[in-house]
Amino acid sequence: MSKKVSLTVNGSRFDIELEEAFAKYLTKQMSQDFNTEGNNDAKTLLYAYVRKNAELFRQEEEIVSLLHQLETLS
């Protein structure tokens, strides 16, 4: 089942159809980064993008570190 997630950026509303479980997760995450009830400017969008990529970078570093630790145990 799909669910629509919406966000307004620079006065333009964007609607995305997503799988329901992911839509629920994304809605929660978006509420931390955006004004989900009103307009968001490009700067807000850019900052959210940078924050999320910083999180991904740290997660990838942690995964690589854990893989290295597992390899040394073998």
N, C-alpha and C. Protein backbone atom coordinates (compact mmCIF):
# COMPACT_ATOMS: atom_id res chain seq x y z
N MET A 1 0.84 -1.17 0.00
CA MET A 1 0.00 0.00 0.00
C MET A 1 0.90 1.24 0.00
N SER A 2 0.51 2.27 -0.73
CA SER A 2 1.32 3.48 -0.81
C SER A 2 0.66 4.61 -0.02
N LYS A 3 1.50 5.60 0.31
CA LYS A 3 1.06 6.76 1.05
C LYS A 3 1.74 7.98 0.46
N LYS A 4 1.04 9.11 0.45
CA LYS A 4 1.60 10.34 -0.10
C LYS A 4 2.27 11.15 1.00
N VAL A 5 3.49 11.61 0.71
CA VAL A 5 4.23 12.50 1.59
C VAL A 5 4.42 13.80 0.83
N SER A 6 4.20 14.94 1.50
CA SER A 6 4.26 16.24 0.83
C SER A 6 5.22 17.18 1.56
N LEU A 7 5.85 18.05 0.77
CA LEU A 7 6.72 19.08 1.31
C LEU A 7 6.66 20.29 0.39
N THR A 8 6.63 21.47 0.97
CA THR A 8 6.62 22.70 0.19
C THR A 8 7.99 23.37 0.29
N VAL A 9 8.57 23.64 -0.89
CA VAL A 9 9.88 24.29 -0.97
C VAL A 9 9.76 25.46 -1.93
N ASN A 10 10.15 26.65 -1.45
CA ASN A 10 10.08 27.87 -2.25
C ASN A 10 8.70 28.07 -2.89
N GLY A 11 7.66 27.75 -2.15
CA GLY A 11 6.31 27.96 -2.62
C GLY A 11 5.76 26.88 -3.53
N SER A 12 6.57 25.88 -3.85
CA SER A 12 6.11 24.77 -4.69
C SER A 12 5.90 23.53 -3.82
N ARG A 13 4.73 22.93 -3.97
CA ARG A 13 4.41 21.73 -3.19
C ARG A 13 4.82 20.49 -3.97
N PHE A 14 5.52 19.60 -3.29
CA PHE A 14 5.97 18.34 -3.89
C PHE A 14 5.31 17.19 -3.16
N ASP A 15 4.62 16.34 -3.91
CA ASP A 15 3.96 15.16 -3.37
C ASP A 15 4.67 13.92 -3.90
N ILE A 16 4.98 13.00 -3.00
CA ILE A 16 5.69 11.78 -3.37
C ILE A 16 4.89 10.58 -2.86
N GLU A 17 4.64 9.62 -3.72
CA GLU A 17 3.98 8.37 -3.31
C GLU A 17 5.05 7.38 -2.89
N LEU A 18 4.92 6.87 -1.64
CA LEU A 18 5.91 5.95 -1.10
C LEU A 18 5.23 4.75 -0.48
N GLU A 19 5.98 3.69 -0.32
CA GLU A 19 5.51 2.52 0.40
C GLU A 19 5.20 2.97 1.83
N GLU A 20 4.14 2.47 2.40
CA GLU A 20 3.61 2.98 3.67
C GLU A 20 4.62 2.98 4.82
N ALA A 21 5.35 1.91 5.01
CA ALA A 21 6.30 1.84 6.12
C ALA A 21 7.40 2.89 5.96
N PHE A 22 7.91 3.05 4.74
CA PHE A 22 8.94 4.05 4.50
C PHE A 22 8.37 5.46 4.63
N ALA A 23 7.15 5.65 4.18
CA ALA A 23 6.50 6.96 4.29
C ALA A 23 6.38 7.38 5.75
N LYS A 24 6.04 6.45 6.61
CA LYS A 24 5.93 6.73 8.05
C LYS A 24 7.29 7.15 8.60
N TYR A 25 8.33 6.42 8.25
CA TYR A 25 9.69 6.74 8.70
C TYR A 25 10.11 8.10 8.17
N LEU A 26 9.91 8.34 6.87
CA LEU A 26 10.33 9.58 6.24
C LEU A 26 9.58 10.78 6.82
N THR A 27 8.30 10.64 7.08
CA THR A 27 7.52 11.72 7.67
C THR A 27 8.10 12.13 9.02
N LYS A 28 8.47 11.15 9.82
CA LYS A 28 9.07 11.43 11.13
C LYS A 28 10.39 12.17 10.95
N GLN A 29 11.23 11.70 10.03
CA GLN A 29 12.52 12.34 9.79
C GLN A 29 12.35 13.75 9.24
N MET A 30 11.43 13.92 8.31
CA MET A 30 11.20 15.24 7.71
C MET A 30 10.72 16.25 8.74
N SER A 31 9.95 15.79 9.72
CA SER A 31 9.45 16.71 10.74
C SER A 31 10.59 17.27 11.59
N GLN A 32 11.72 16.59 11.61
CA GLN A 32 12.89 17.07 12.34
C GLN A 32 13.67 18.11 11.54
N ASP A 33 13.58 18.05 10.22
CA ASP A 33 14.39 18.90 9.35
C ASP A 33 13.62 20.04 8.69
N PHE A 34 12.30 19.89 8.57
CA PHE A 34 11.53 20.84 7.78
C PHE A 34 10.28 21.32 8.52
N ASN A 35 9.75 22.42 8.05
CA ASN A 35 8.43 22.87 8.45
C ASN A 35 7.45 22.10 7.56
N THR A 36 6.92 21.02 8.06
CA THR A 36 6.07 20.16 7.23
C THR A 36 4.67 20.75 7.01
N GLU A 37 4.33 21.78 7.75
CA GLU A 37 3.02 22.42 7.60
C GLU A 37 3.08 23.69 6.76
N GLY A 38 4.28 24.19 6.47
CA GLY A 38 4.40 25.44 5.74
C GLY A 38 5.51 25.38 4.70
N ASN A 39 5.99 26.54 4.34
CA ASN A 39 7.00 26.67 3.28
C ASN A 39 8.41 26.52 3.84
N ASN A 40 9.29 25.98 3.02
CA ASN A 40 10.70 25.85 3.35
C ASN A 40 11.50 26.51 2.24
N ASP A 41 12.57 27.22 2.63
CA ASP A 41 13.39 27.84 1.59
C ASP A 41 14.51 26.88 1.17
N ALA A 42 15.22 27.26 0.13
CA ALA A 42 16.28 26.41 -0.43
C ALA A 42 17.40 26.18 0.59
N LYS A 43 17.67 27.18 1.43
CA LYS A 43 18.70 27.05 2.45
C LYS A 43 18.36 25.93 3.44
N THR A 44 17.11 25.85 3.85
CA THR A 44 16.65 24.79 4.74
C THR A 44 16.85 23.43 4.10
N LEU A 45 16.49 23.33 2.82
CA LEU A 45 16.66 22.08 2.08
C LEU A 45 18.12 21.68 2.00
N LEU A 46 19.00 22.64 1.70
CA LEU A 46 20.43 22.36 1.61
C LEU A 46 20.98 21.90 2.95
N TYR A 47 20.63 22.59 4.03
CA TYR A 47 21.13 22.19 5.35
C TYR A 47 20.67 20.77 5.72
N ALA A 48 19.43 20.44 5.41
CA ALA A 48 18.93 19.09 5.70
C ALA A 48 19.70 18.05 4.89
N TYR A 49 19.97 18.36 3.64
CA TYR A 49 20.73 17.45 2.77
C TYR A 49 22.13 17.22 3.33
N VAL A 50 22.78 18.29 3.76
CA VAL A 50 24.14 18.17 4.31
C VAL A 50 24.11 17.37 5.62
N ARG A 51 23.13 17.64 6.50
CA ARG A 51 23.03 16.89 7.76
C ARG A 51 22.85 15.40 7.50
N LYS A 52 21.96 15.05 6.59
CA LYS A 52 21.70 13.64 6.32
C LYS A 52 22.91 12.96 5.71
N ASN A 53 23.64 13.65 4.84
CA ASN A 53 24.85 13.07 4.27
C ASN A 53 25.95 12.94 5.30
N ALA A 54 26.01 13.84 6.26
CA ALA A 54 26.97 13.72 7.36
C ALA A 54 26.65 12.48 8.19
N GLU A 55 25.37 12.23 8.43
CA GLU A 55 24.96 11.02 9.15
C GLU A 55 25.36 9.77 8.38
N LEU A 56 25.11 9.76 7.08
CA LEU A 56 25.48 8.62 6.25
C LEU A 56 26.99 8.39 6.25
N PHE A 57 27.75 9.47 6.20
CA PHE A 57 29.21 9.39 6.23
C PHE A 57 29.68 8.74 7.53
N ARG A 58 29.14 9.20 8.66
CA ARG A 58 29.52 8.62 9.96
C ARG A 58 29.11 7.15 10.05
N GLN A 59 27.93 6.81 9.54
CA GLN A 59 27.49 5.42 9.56
C GLN A 59 28.41 4.54 8.72
N GLU A 60 28.80 5.04 7.56
CA GLU A 60 29.69 4.26 6.69
C GLU A 60 31.05 4.07 7.35
N GLU A 61 31.58 5.12 7.99
CA GLU A 61 32.84 4.98 8.71
C GLU A 61 32.73 3.93 9.81
N GLU A 62 31.61 3.94 10.52
CA GLU A 62 31.40 2.97 11.59
C GLU A 62 31.30 1.55 11.04
N ILE A 63 30.61 1.38 9.93
CA ILE A 63 30.48 0.05 9.30
C ILE A 63 31.84 -0.46 8.87
N VAL A 64 32.64 0.39 8.24
CA VAL A 64 33.98 -0.01 7.81
C VAL A 64 34.83 -0.40 9.01
N SER A 65 34.73 0.37 10.09
CA SER A 65 35.48 0.06 11.30
C SER A 65 35.06 -1.29 11.88
N LEU A 66 33.76 -1.53 11.92
CA LEU A 66 33.27 -2.81 12.45
C LEU A 66 33.70 -3.97 11.57
N LEU A 67 33.66 -3.78 10.25
CA LEU A 67 34.12 -4.83 9.34
C LEU A 67 35.60 -5.12 9.55
N HIS A 68 36.38 -4.08 9.74
CA HIS A 68 37.81 -4.26 9.99
C HIS A 68 38.03 -5.04 11.29
N GLN A 69 37.25 -4.70 12.33
CA GLN A 69 37.37 -5.42 13.61
C GLN A 69 37.00 -6.88 13.43
N LEU A 70 35.96 -7.17 12.65
CA LEU A 70 35.55 -8.55 12.41
C LEU A 70 36.61 -9.31 11.63
N GLU A 71 37.24 -8.65 10.67
CA GLU A 71 38.29 -9.30 9.88
C GLU A 71 39.49 -9.65 10.75
N THR A 72 39.82 -8.81 11.71
CA THR A 72 40.97 -9.09 12.56
C THR A 72 40.67 -10.21 13.55
N LEU A 73 39.40 -10.45 13.83
CA LEU A 73 39.01 -11.55 14.72
C LEU A 73 39.06 -12.90 14.02
N SER A 74 38.96 -12.89 12.71
CA SER A 74 38.92 -14.15 11.95
C SER A 74 40.27 -14.77 11.81
